[in-house]
Amino acid sequence: MPKIFEYLGILIFFYSNEHEPIHVHAKKGEFESKAEFFIINGEISEIKITNIKGLKPLKGKELKDFEIVLEKYADKIVEKWISYFVYHKDVEFEIITKRLS
C-alpha cells in the first residue's frame, strides 16, 4: 500500500493491486473514499469522488479537505500513479503540513 500524502490526518494512498482508471484512496479513521481521474489527450478532464462498497465514506470537513488536496495535487497524484504502476518505481510519501485553501 504505497502512501503518497498525509494531510490533516487524512492518509492518501494507492492499494498495491490497483487497476485503471487512475484513482487514489483517502482514509481517516474508519472512513474511506476514492477519487477517479479521467484523462483526455494527456490532461485531467474530471476528478470524481466515489464511495467504496462496504466502507463509510469521508464526509463533512474531511471530504472537503480531500477535495482541496485533489485540486492542488492532481497532477502529482497522477504522476505518482504512473511511476508506481507503469514504471514500477517507489513513490515518495509527503506530509502536507500547512493548511491548503
PDB file of N, CA and C in Angstrom:
ATOM      1  N   MET A   1       0.843  -1.177   0.000  1.00  0.00           N
ATOM      2  CA  MET A   1       0.000   0.000   0.000  1.00  0.00           C
ATOM      3  C   MET A   1       0.887   1.238   0.000  1.00  0.00           C
ATOM      4  N   PRO A   2       1.209   1.767  -1.170  1.00  0.00           N
ATOM      5  CA  PRO A   2       2.029   2.980  -1.214  1.00  0.00           C
ATOM      6  C   PRO A   2       1.254   4.196  -0.706  1.00  0.00           C
ATOM      7  N   LYS A   3       1.773   4.789   0.340  1.00  0.00           N
ATOM      8  CA  LYS A   3       1.211   6.032   0.868  1.00  0.00           C
ATOM      9  C   LYS A   3       1.844   7.168   0.084  1.00  0.00           C
ATOM     10  N   ILE A   4       1.028   8.135  -0.340  1.00  0.00           N
ATOM     11  CA  ILE A   4       1.612   9.225  -1.118  1.00  0.00           C
ATOM     12  C   ILE A   4       1.528  10.581  -0.427  1.00  0.00           C
ATOM     13  N   PHE A   5       0.456  10.825   0.328  1.00  0.00           N
ATOM     14  CA  PHE A   5       0.317  12.082   1.056  1.00  0.00           C
ATOM     15  C   PHE A   5      -0.374  11.849   2.394  1.00  0.00           C
ATOM     16  N   GLU A   6      -0.085  12.729   3.325  1.00  0.00           N
ATOM     17  CA  GLU A   6      -0.890  12.853   4.527  1.00  0.00           C
ATOM     18  C   GLU A   6      -1.220  14.320   4.676  1.00  0.00           C
ATOM     19  N   TYR A   7      -2.497  14.598   4.925  1.00  0.00           N
ATOM     20  CA  TYR A   7      -2.953  15.979   5.066  1.00  0.00           C
ATOM     21  C   TYR A   7      -4.003  16.045   6.168  1.00  0.00           C
ATOM     22  N   LEU A   8      -3.680  16.754   7.239  1.00  0.00           N
ATOM     23  CA  LEU A   8      -4.598  16.940   8.358  1.00  0.00           C
ATOM     24  C   LEU A   8      -5.179  15.611   8.848  1.00  0.00           C
ATOM     25  N   GLY A   9      -4.345  14.597   8.931  1.00  0.00           N
ATOM     26  CA  GLY A   9      -4.767  13.292   9.415  1.00  0.00           C
ATOM     27  C   GLY A   9      -5.404  12.395   8.371  1.00  0.00           C
ATOM     28  N   ILE A  10      -5.559  12.891   7.160  1.00  0.00           N
ATOM     29  CA  ILE A  10      -6.120  12.100   6.064  1.00  0.00           C
ATOM     30  C   ILE A  10      -4.955  11.433   5.334  1.00  0.00           C
ATOM     31  N   LEU A  11      -4.993  10.129   5.226  1.00  0.00           N
ATOM     32  CA  LEU A  11      -3.966   9.381   4.514  1.00  0.00           C
ATOM     33  C   LEU A  11      -4.433   9.161   3.079  1.00  0.00           C
ATOM     34  N   ILE A  12      -3.592   9.544   2.128  1.00  0.00           N
ATOM     35  CA  ILE A  12      -3.920   9.403   0.715  1.00  0.00           C
ATOM     36  C   ILE A  12      -2.947   8.385   0.133  1.00  0.00           C
ATOM     37  N   PHE A  13      -3.499   7.348  -0.511  1.00  0.00           N
ATOM     38  CA  PHE A  13      -2.677   6.197  -0.883  1.00  0.00           C
ATOM     39  C   PHE A  13      -3.269   5.441  -2.054  1.00  0.00           C
ATOM     40  N   PHE A  14      -2.459   4.495  -2.564  1.00  0.00           N
ATOM     41  CA  PHE A  14      -2.905   3.512  -3.554  1.00  0.00           C
ATOM     42  C   PHE A  14      -2.871   2.152  -2.872  1.00  0.00           C
ATOM     43  N   TYR A  15      -3.734   1.243  -3.281  1.00  0.00           N
ATOM     44  CA  TYR A  15      -3.549  -0.161  -2.932  1.00  0.00           C
ATOM     45  C   TYR A  15      -2.562  -0.735  -3.936  1.00  0.00           C
ATOM     46  N   SER A  16      -1.777  -1.703  -3.529  1.00  0.00           N
ATOM     47  CA  SER A  16      -0.718  -2.243  -4.385  1.00  0.00           C
ATOM     48  C   SER A  16      -1.224  -2.975  -5.622  1.00  0.00           C
ATOM     49  N   ASN A  17      -2.464  -3.418  -5.610  1.00  0.00           N
ATOM     50  CA  ASN A  17      -3.008  -4.179  -6.746  1.00  0.00           C
ATOM     51  C   ASN A  17      -4.063  -3.374  -7.507  1.00  0.00           C
ATOM     52  N   GLU A  18      -3.794  -2.085  -7.712  1.00  0.00           N
ATOM     53  CA  GLU A  18      -4.778  -1.200  -8.334  1.00  0.00           C
ATOM     54  C   GLU A  18      -5.013  -1.511  -9.803  1.00  0.00           C
ATOM     55  N   HIS A  19      -5.997  -0.849 -10.345  1.00  0.00           N
ATOM     56  CA  HIS A  19      -6.434  -1.033 -11.720  1.00  0.00           C
ATOM     57  C   HIS A  19      -6.817   0.332 -12.270  1.00  0.00           C
ATOM     58  N   GLU A  20      -6.972   0.411 -13.566  1.00  0.00           N
ATOM     59  CA  GLU A  20      -7.443   1.649 -14.173  1.00  0.00           C
ATOM     60  C   GLU A  20      -8.944   1.766 -13.988  1.00  0.00           C
ATOM     61  N   PRO A  21      -9.539   2.932 -13.994  1.00  0.00           N
ATOM     62  CA  PRO A  21      -8.902   4.215 -14.230  1.00  0.00           C
ATOM     63  C   PRO A  21      -7.998   4.615 -13.063  1.00  0.00           C
ATOM     64  N   ILE A  22      -7.100   5.559 -13.338  1.00  0.00           N
ATOM     65  CA  ILE A  22      -6.230   6.074 -12.289  1.00  0.00           C
ATOM     66  C   ILE A  22      -7.101   6.582 -11.156  1.00  0.00           C
ATOM     67  N   HIS A  23      -6.792   6.143  -9.949  1.00  0.00           N
ATOM     68  CA  HIS A  23      -7.554   6.610  -8.786  1.00  0.00           C
ATOM     69  C   HIS A  23      -6.689   6.535  -7.537  1.00  0.00           C
ATOM     70  N   VAL A  24      -7.152   7.215  -6.513  1.00  0.00           N
ATOM     71  CA  VAL A  24      -6.440   7.290  -5.248  1.00  0.00           C
ATOM     72  C   VAL A  24      -7.465   7.145  -4.122  1.00  0.00           C
ATOM     73  N   HIS A  25      -7.032   6.591  -3.005  1.00  0.00           N
ATOM     74  CA  HIS A  25      -7.897   6.421  -1.843  1.00  0.00           C
ATOM     75  C   HIS A  25      -7.521   7.436  -0.774  1.00  0.00           C
ATOM     76  N   ALA A  26      -8.507   7.836   0.017  1.00  0.00           N
ATOM     77  CA  ALA A  26      -8.271   8.719   1.159  1.00  0.00           C
ATOM     78  C   ALA A  26      -8.971   8.108   2.361  1.00  0.00           C
ATOM     79  N   LYS A  27      -8.247   8.043   3.469  1.00  0.00           N
ATOM     80  CA  LYS A  27      -8.786   7.391   4.658  1.00  0.00           C
ATOM     81  C   LYS A  27      -8.470   8.224   5.893  1.00  0.00           C
ATOM     82  N   LYS A  28      -9.465   8.348   6.739  1.00  0.00           N
ATOM     83  CA  LYS A  28      -9.270   8.940   8.063  1.00  0.00           C
ATOM     84  C   LYS A  28     -10.144   8.150   9.024  1.00  0.00           C
ATOM     85  N   GLY A  29      -9.486   7.505   9.977  1.00  0.00           N
ATOM     86  CA  GLY A  29     -10.227   6.644  10.901  1.00  0.00           C
ATOM     87  C   GLY A  29     -10.901   5.522  10.148  1.00  0.00           C
ATOM     88  N   GLU A  30     -12.186   5.352  10.408  1.00  0.00           N
ATOM     89  CA  GLU A  30     -12.936   4.276   9.754  1.00  0.00           C
ATOM     90  C   GLU A  30     -13.568   4.702   8.431  1.00  0.00           C
ATOM     91  N   PHE A  31     -13.285   5.922   7.984  1.00  0.00           N
ATOM     92  CA  PHE A  31     -13.904   6.473   6.777  1.00  0.00           C
ATOM     93  C   PHE A  31     -12.928   6.439   5.604  1.00  0.00           C
ATOM     94  N   GLU A  32     -13.444   6.042   4.433  1.00  0.00           N
ATOM     95  CA  GLU A  32     -12.584   5.963   3.247  1.00  0.00           C
ATOM     96  C   GLU A  32     -13.405   6.247   1.990  1.00  0.00           C
ATOM     97  N   SER A  33     -12.814   7.040   1.111  1.00  0.00           N
ATOM     98  CA  SER A  33     -13.395   7.331  -0.202  1.00  0.00           C
ATOM     99  C   SER A  33     -12.299   7.207  -1.237  1.00  0.00           C
ATOM    100  N   LYS A  34     -12.700   7.228  -2.507  1.00  0.00           N
ATOM    101  CA  LYS A  34     -11.685   7.219  -3.556  1.00  0.00           C
ATOM    102  C   LYS A  34     -12.026   8.289  -4.581  1.00  0.00           C
ATOM    103  N   ALA A  35     -10.989   8.706  -5.314  1.00  0.00           N
ATOM    104  CA  ALA A  35     -11.165   9.692  -6.376  1.00  0.00           C
ATOM    105  C   ALA A  35     -10.609   9.112  -7.657  1.00  0.00           C
ATOM    106  N   GLU A  36     -11.433   9.121  -8.695  1.00  0.00           N
ATOM    107  CA  GLU A  36     -11.028   8.625 -10.005  1.00  0.00           C
ATOM    108  C   GLU A  36     -10.666   9.807 -10.902  1.00  0.00           C
ATOM    109  N   PHE A  37      -9.589   9.640 -11.652  1.00  0.00           N
ATOM    110  CA  PHE A  37      -9.110  10.683 -12.551  1.00  0.00           C
ATOM    111  C   PHE A  37      -9.429  10.288 -13.985  1.00  0.00           C
ATOM    112  N   PHE A  38     -10.101  11.175 -14.697  1.00  0.00           N
ATOM    113  CA  PHE A  38     -10.423  10.930 -16.101  1.00  0.00           C
ATOM    114  C   PHE A  38      -9.523  11.828 -16.936  1.00  0.00           C
ATOM    115  N   ILE A  39      -8.782  11.215 -17.847  1.00  0.00           N
ATOM    116  CA  ILE A  39      -7.758  11.932 -18.605  1.00  0.00           C
ATOM    117  C   ILE A  39      -8.087  11.839 -20.091  1.00  0.00           C
ATOM    118  N   ILE A  40      -8.103  12.998 -20.738  1.00  0.00           N
ATOM    119  CA  ILE A  40      -8.347  13.074 -22.178  1.00  0.00           C
ATOM    120  C   ILE A  40      -7.193  13.847 -22.803  1.00  0.00           C
ATOM    121  N   ASN A  41      -6.569  13.254 -23.807  1.00  0.00           N
ATOM    122  CA  ASN A  41      -5.433  13.876 -24.501  1.00  0.00           C
ATOM    123  C   ASN A  41      -4.350  14.342 -23.538  1.00  0.00           C
ATOM    124  N   GLY A  42      -4.066  13.518 -22.526  1.00  0.00           N
ATOM    125  CA  GLY A  42      -2.992  13.817 -21.601  1.00  0.00           C
ATOM    126  C   GLY A  42      -3.322  14.841 -20.533  1.00  0.00           C
ATOM    127  N   GLU A  43      -4.552  15.309 -20.489  1.00  0.00           N
ATOM    128  CA  GLU A  43      -4.970  16.314 -19.499  1.00  0.00           C
ATOM    129  C   GLU A  43      -6.083  15.742 -18.616  1.00  0.00           C
ATOM    130  N   ILE A  44      -6.041  16.093 -17.339  1.00  0.00           N
ATOM    131  CA  ILE A  44      -7.110  15.676 -16.424  1.00  0.00           C
ATOM    132  C   ILE A  44      -8.367  16.459 -16.786  1.00  0.00           C
ATOM    133  N   SER A  45      -9.402  15.740 -17.184  1.00  0.00           N
ATOM    134  CA  SER A  45     -10.651  16.401 -17.574  1.00  0.00           C
ATOM    135  C   SER A  45     -11.663  16.418 -16.439  1.00  0.00           C
ATOM    136  N   GLU A  46     -11.548  15.439 -15.530  1.00  0.00           N
ATOM    137  CA  GLU A  46     -12.509  15.354 -14.425  1.00  0.00           C
ATOM    138  C   GLU A  46     -11.910  14.506 -13.316  1.00  0.00           C
ATOM    139  N   ILE A  47     -12.257  14.869 -12.082  1.00  0.00           N
ATOM    140  CA  ILE A  47     -11.929  14.055 -10.919  1.00  0.00           C
ATOM    141  C   ILE A  47     -13.249  13.785 -10.210  1.00  0.00           C
ATOM    142  N   LYS A  48     -13.550  12.508 -10.014  1.00  0.00           N
ATOM    143  CA  LYS A  48     -14.838  12.128  -9.440  1.00  0.00           C
ATOM    144  C   LYS A  48     -14.598  11.346  -8.148  1.00  0.00           C
ATOM    145  N   ILE A  49     -15.114  11.868  -7.041  1.00  0.00           N
ATOM    146  CA  ILE A  49     -15.010  11.178  -5.754  1.00  0.00           C
ATOM    147  C   ILE A  49     -16.168  10.198  -5.639  1.00  0.00           C
ATOM    148  N   THR A  50     -15.838   8.961  -5.273  1.00  0.00           N
ATOM    149  CA  THR A  50     -16.862   7.925  -5.143  1.00  0.00           C
ATOM    150  C   THR A  50     -16.734   7.201  -3.812  1.00  0.00           C
ATOM    151  N   ASN A  51     -17.819   6.584  -3.413  1.00  0.00           N
ATOM    152  CA  ASN A  51     -17.818   5.765  -2.204  1.00  0.00           C
ATOM    153  C   ASN A  51     -17.279   4.385  -2.545  1.00  0.00           C
ATOM    154  N   ILE A  52     -16.830   3.688  -1.508  1.00  0.00           N
ATOM    155  CA  ILE A  52     -16.307   2.333  -1.666  1.00  0.00           C
ATOM    156  C   ILE A  52     -17.286   1.382  -0.991  1.00  0.00           C
ATOM    157  N   LYS A  53     -17.745   0.402  -1.729  1.00  0.00           N
ATOM    158  CA  LYS A  53     -18.735  -0.548  -1.218  1.00  0.00           C
ATOM    159  C   LYS A  53     -18.255  -1.157   0.103  1.00  0.00           C
ATOM    160  N   GLY A  54     -19.125  -1.108   1.089  1.00  0.00           N
ATOM    161  CA  GLY A  54     -18.836  -1.719   2.376  1.00  0.00           C
ATOM    162  C   GLY A  54     -18.089  -0.829   3.354  1.00  0.00           C
ATOM    163  N   LEU A  55     -17.712   0.376   2.928  1.00  0.00           N
ATOM    164  CA  LEU A  55     -16.987   1.297   3.811  1.00  0.00           C
ATOM    165  C   LEU A  55     -17.756   2.594   3.971  1.00  0.00           C
ATOM    166  N   LYS A  56     -17.577   3.225   5.120  1.00  0.00           N
ATOM    167  CA  LYS A  56     -18.193   4.523   5.363  1.00  0.00           C
ATOM    168  C   LYS A  56     -17.376   5.587   4.637  1.00  0.00           C
ATOM    169  N   PRO A  57     -18.029   6.456   3.835  1.00  0.00           N
ATOM    170  CA  PRO A  57     -17.284   7.468   3.077  1.00  0.00           C
ATOM    171  C   PRO A  57     -16.862   8.651   3.953  1.00  0.00           C
ATOM    172  N   LEU A  58     -15.809   9.326   3.498  1.00  0.00           N
ATOM    173  CA  LEU A  58     -15.445  10.587   4.127  1.00  0.00           C
ATOM    174  C   LEU A  58     -16.628  11.533   3.997  1.00  0.00           C
ATOM    175  N   LYS A  59     -16.785  12.415   4.961  1.00  0.00           N
ATOM    176  CA  LYS A  59     -17.874  13.385   4.873  1.00  0.00           C
ATOM    177  C   LYS A  59     -17.465  14.667   5.574  1.00  0.00           C
ATOM    178  N   GLY A  60     -18.250  15.699   5.368  1.00  0.00           N
ATOM    179  CA  GLY A  60     -18.030  16.967   6.047  1.00  0.00           C
ATOM    180  C   GLY A  60     -16.664  17.568   5.764  1.00  0.00           C
ATOM    181  N   LYS A  61     -15.999  17.993   6.825  1.00  0.00           N
ATOM    182  CA  LYS A  61     -14.708  18.673   6.734  1.00  0.00           C
ATOM    183  C   LYS A  61     -13.648  17.792   6.075  1.00  0.00           C
ATOM    184  N   GLU A  62     -13.632  16.517   6.411  1.00  0.00           N
ATOM    185  CA  GLU A  62     -12.633  15.615   5.834  1.00  0.00           C
ATOM    186  C   GLU A  62     -12.819  15.459   4.324  1.00  0.00           C
ATOM    187  N   LEU A  63     -14.065  15.367   3.877  1.00  0.00           N
ATOM    188  CA  LEU A  63     -14.331  15.271   2.447  1.00  0.00           C
ATOM    189  C   LEU A  63     -13.871  16.543   1.744  1.00  0.00           C
ATOM    190  N   LYS A  64     -14.164  17.701   2.328  1.00  0.00           N
ATOM    191  CA  LYS A  64     -13.733  18.976   1.751  1.00  0.00           C
ATOM    192  C   LYS A  64     -12.211  19.059   1.703  1.00  0.00           C
ATOM    193  N   ASP A  65     -11.536  18.615   2.763  1.00  0.00           N
ATOM    194  CA  ASP A  65     -10.071  18.625   2.776  1.00  0.00           C
ATOM    195  C   ASP A  65      -9.511  17.712   1.689  1.00  0.00           C
ATOM    196  N   PHE A  66     -10.123  16.559   1.475  1.00  0.00           N
ATOM    197  CA  PHE A  66      -9.710  15.652   0.405  1.00  0.00           C
ATOM    198  C   PHE A  66      -9.879  16.333  -0.954  1.00  0.00           C
ATOM    199  N   GLU A  67     -10.996  17.004  -1.152  1.00  0.00           N
ATOM    200  CA  GLU A  67     -11.242  17.716  -2.408  1.00  0.00           C
ATOM    201  C   GLU A  67     -10.170  18.775  -2.656  1.00  0.00           C
ATOM    202  N   ILE A  68      -9.748  19.472  -1.606  1.00  0.00           N
ATOM    203  CA  ILE A  68      -8.726  20.502  -1.742  1.00  0.00           C
ATOM    204  C   ILE A  68      -7.393  19.885  -2.149  1.00  0.00           C
ATOM    205  N   VAL A  69      -7.021  18.760  -1.537  1.00  0.00           N
ATOM    206  CA  VAL A  69      -5.779  18.075  -1.911  1.00  0.00           C
ATOM    207  C   VAL A  69      -5.848  17.642  -3.375  1.00  0.00           C
ATOM    208  N   LEU A  70      -6.977  17.115  -3.787  1.00  0.00           N
ATOM    209  CA  LEU A  70      -7.131  16.685  -5.184  1.00  0.00           C
ATOM    210  C   LEU A  70      -6.958  17.869  -6.131  1.00  0.00           C
ATOM    211  N   GLU A  71      -7.534  18.993  -5.786  1.00  0.00           N
ATOM    212  CA  GLU A  71      -7.443  20.186  -6.625  1.00  0.00           C
ATOM    213  C   GLU A  71      -5.997  20.669  -6.748  1.00  0.00           C
ATOM    214  N   LYS A  72      -5.284  20.696  -5.625  1.00  0.00           N
ATOM    215  CA  LYS A  72      -3.925  21.253  -5.598  1.00  0.00           C
ATOM    216  C   LYS A  72      -2.865  20.269  -6.099  1.00  0.00           C
ATOM    217  N   TYR A  73      -3.091  18.968  -5.921  1.00  0.00           N
ATOM    218  CA  TYR A  73      -2.065  17.964  -6.197  1.00  0.00           C
ATOM    219  C   TYR A  73      -2.462  16.949  -7.260  1.00  0.00           C
ATOM    220  N   ALA A  74      -3.469  17.228  -8.059  1.00  0.00           N
ATOM    221  CA  ALA A  74      -3.961  16.262  -9.046  1.00  0.00           C
ATOM    222  C   ALA A  74      -2.860  15.767  -9.974  1.00  0.00           C
ATOM    223  N   ASP A  75      -2.098  16.678 -10.549  1.00  0.00           N
ATOM    224  CA  ASP A  75      -1.050  16.267 -11.489  1.00  0.00           C
ATOM    225  C   ASP A  75      -0.003  15.393 -10.806  1.00  0.00           C
ATOM    226  N   LYS A  76       0.344  15.745  -9.579  1.00  0.00           N
ATOM    227  CA  LYS A  76       1.349  14.984  -8.841  1.00  0.00           C
ATOM    228  C   LYS A  76       0.819  13.585  -8.491  1.00  0.00           C
ATOM    229  N   ILE A  77      -0.470  13.480  -8.164  1.00  0.00           N
ATOM    230  CA  ILE A  77      -1.076  12.182  -7.862  1.00  0.00           C
ATOM    231  C   ILE A  77      -1.018  11.277  -9.094  1.00  0.00           C
ATOM    232  N   VAL A  78      -1.401  11.815 -10.239  1.00  0.00           N
ATOM    233  CA  VAL A  78      -1.364  11.036 -11.486  1.00  0.00           C
ATOM    234  C   VAL A  78       0.074  10.631 -11.810  1.00  0.00           C
ATOM    235  N   GLU A  79       1.006  11.551 -11.623  1.00  0.00           N
ATOM    236  CA  GLU A  79       2.422  11.248 -11.864  1.00  0.00           C
ATOM    237  C   GLU A  79       2.902  10.101 -10.969  1.00  0.00           C
ATOM    238  N   LYS A  80       2.513  10.132  -9.690  1.00  0.00           N
ATOM    239  CA  LYS A  80       2.916   9.071  -8.763  1.00  0.00           C
ATOM    240  C   LYS A  80       2.265   7.739  -9.150  1.00  0.00           C
ATOM    241  N   TRP A  81       1.012   7.774  -9.586  1.00  0.00           N
ATOM    242  CA  TRP A  81       0.314   6.553 -10.001  1.00  0.00           C
ATOM    243  C   TRP A  81       1.046   5.904 -11.178  1.00  0.00           C
ATOM    244  N   ILE A  82       1.395   6.722 -12.161  1.00  0.00           N
ATOM    245  CA  ILE A  82       2.101   6.210 -13.342  1.00  0.00           C
ATOM    246  C   ILE A  82       3.477   5.684 -12.952  1.00  0.00           C
ATOM    247  N   SER A  83       4.195   6.419 -12.106  1.00  0.00           N
ATOM    248  CA  SER A  83       5.522   5.969 -11.665  1.00  0.00           C
ATOM    249  C   SER A  83       5.438   4.603 -10.997  1.00  0.00           C
ATOM    250  N   TYR A  84       4.438   4.435 -10.127  1.00  0.00           N
ATOM    251  CA  TYR A  84       4.329   3.194  -9.364  1.00  0.00           C
ATOM    252  C   TYR A  84       3.805   2.030 -10.195  1.00  0.00           C
ATOM    253  N   PHE A  85       2.707   2.248 -10.918  1.00  0.00           N
ATOM    254  CA  PHE A  85       2.050   1.134 -11.601  1.00  0.00           C
ATOM    255  C   PHE A  85       2.562   0.866 -13.014  1.00  0.00           C
ATOM    256  N   VAL A  86       3.087   1.877 -13.686  1.00  0.00           N
ATOM    257  CA  VAL A  86       3.589   1.672 -15.044  1.00  0.00           C
ATOM    258  C   VAL A  86       5.093   1.410 -15.030  1.00  0.00           C
ATOM    259  N   TYR A  87       5.833   2.248 -14.294  1.00  0.00           N
ATOM    260  CA  TYR A  87       7.292   2.133 -14.294  1.00  0.00           C
ATOM    261  C   TYR A  87       7.835   1.348 -13.099  1.00  0.00           C
ATOM    262  N   HIS A  88       6.957   0.934 -12.199  1.00  0.00           N
ATOM    263  CA  HIS A  88       7.327   0.109 -11.043  1.00  0.00           C
ATOM    264  C   HIS A  88       8.414   0.757 -10.183  1.00  0.00           C
ATOM    265  N   LYS A  89       8.283   2.061  -9.988  1.00  0.00           N
ATOM    266  CA  LYS A  89       9.207   2.810  -9.146  1.00  0.00           C
ATOM    267  C   LYS A  89       8.548   3.100  -7.804  1.00  0.00           C
ATOM    268  N   ASP A  90       9.368   3.256  -6.785  1.00  0.00           N
ATOM    269  CA  ASP A  90       8.845   3.686  -5.492  1.00  0.00           C
ATOM    270  C   ASP A  90       8.389   5.134  -5.607  1.00  0.00           C
ATOM    271  N   VAL A  91       7.398   5.498  -4.810  1.00  0.00           N
ATOM    272  CA  VAL A  91       6.915   6.880  -4.802  1.00  0.00           C
ATOM    273  C   VAL A  91       7.187   7.500  -3.436  1.00  0.00           C
ATOM    274  N   GLU A  92       7.435   8.775  -3.445  1.00  0.00           N
ATOM    275  CA  GLU A  92       7.763   9.499  -2.222  1.00  0.00           C
ATOM    276  C   GLU A  92       6.500   9.807  -1.427  1.00  0.00           C
ATOM    277  N   PHE A  93       6.575   9.574  -0.128  1.00  0.00           N
ATOM    278  CA  PHE A  93       5.498   9.924   0.800  1.00  0.00           C
ATOM    279  C   PHE A  93       5.736  11.351   1.273  1.00  0.00           C
ATOM    280  N   GLU A  94       4.718  12.188   1.153  1.00  0.00           N
ATOM    281  CA  GLU A  94       4.842  13.585   1.537  1.00  0.00           C
ATOM    282  C   GLU A  94       3.776  13.940   2.573  1.00  0.00           C
ATOM    283  N   ILE A  95       4.210  14.655   3.593  1.00  0.00           N
ATOM    284  CA  ILE A  95       3.280  15.168   4.594  1.00  0.00           C
ATOM    285  C   ILE A  95       3.056  16.644   4.295  1.00  0.00           C
ATOM    286  N   ILE A  96       1.822  17.005   4.081  1.00  0.00           N
ATOM    287  CA  ILE A  96       1.467  18.399   3.823  1.00  0.00           C
ATOM    288  C   ILE A  96       1.175  19.022   5.178  1.00  0.00           C
ATOM    289  N   THR A  97       2.037  19.946   5.590  1.00  0.00           N
ATOM    290  CA  THR A  97       1.959  20.477   6.958  1.00  0.00           C
ATOM    291  C   THR A  97       1.178  21.784   7.068  1.00  0.00           C
ATOM    292  N   LYS A  98       0.967  22.468   5.959  1.00  0.00           N
ATOM    293  CA  LYS A  98       0.231  23.729   6.008  1.00  0.00           C
ATOM    294  C   LYS A  98      -1.156  23.539   5.430  1.00  0.00           C
ATOM    295  N   ARG A  99      -2.121  24.196   6.055  1.00  0.00           N
ATOM    296  CA  ARG A  99      -3.497  24.103   5.564  1.00  0.00           C
ATOM    297  C   ARG A  99      -3.580  24.694   4.156  1.00  0.00           C
ATOM    298  N   LEU A 100      -4.185  23.943   3.252  1.00  0.00           N
ATOM    299  CA  LEU A 100      -4.397  24.389   1.892  1.00  0.00           C
ATOM    300  C   LEU A 100      -5.737  25.117   1.808  1.00  0.00           C
ATOM    301  N   SER A 101      -5.834  26.047   0.877  1.00  0.00           N
ATOM    302  CA  SER A 101      -7.112  26.752   0.730  1.00  0.00           C
ATOM    303  C   SER A 101      -7.522  26.830  -0.714  1.00  0.00           C
TER     304      SER A 101
END
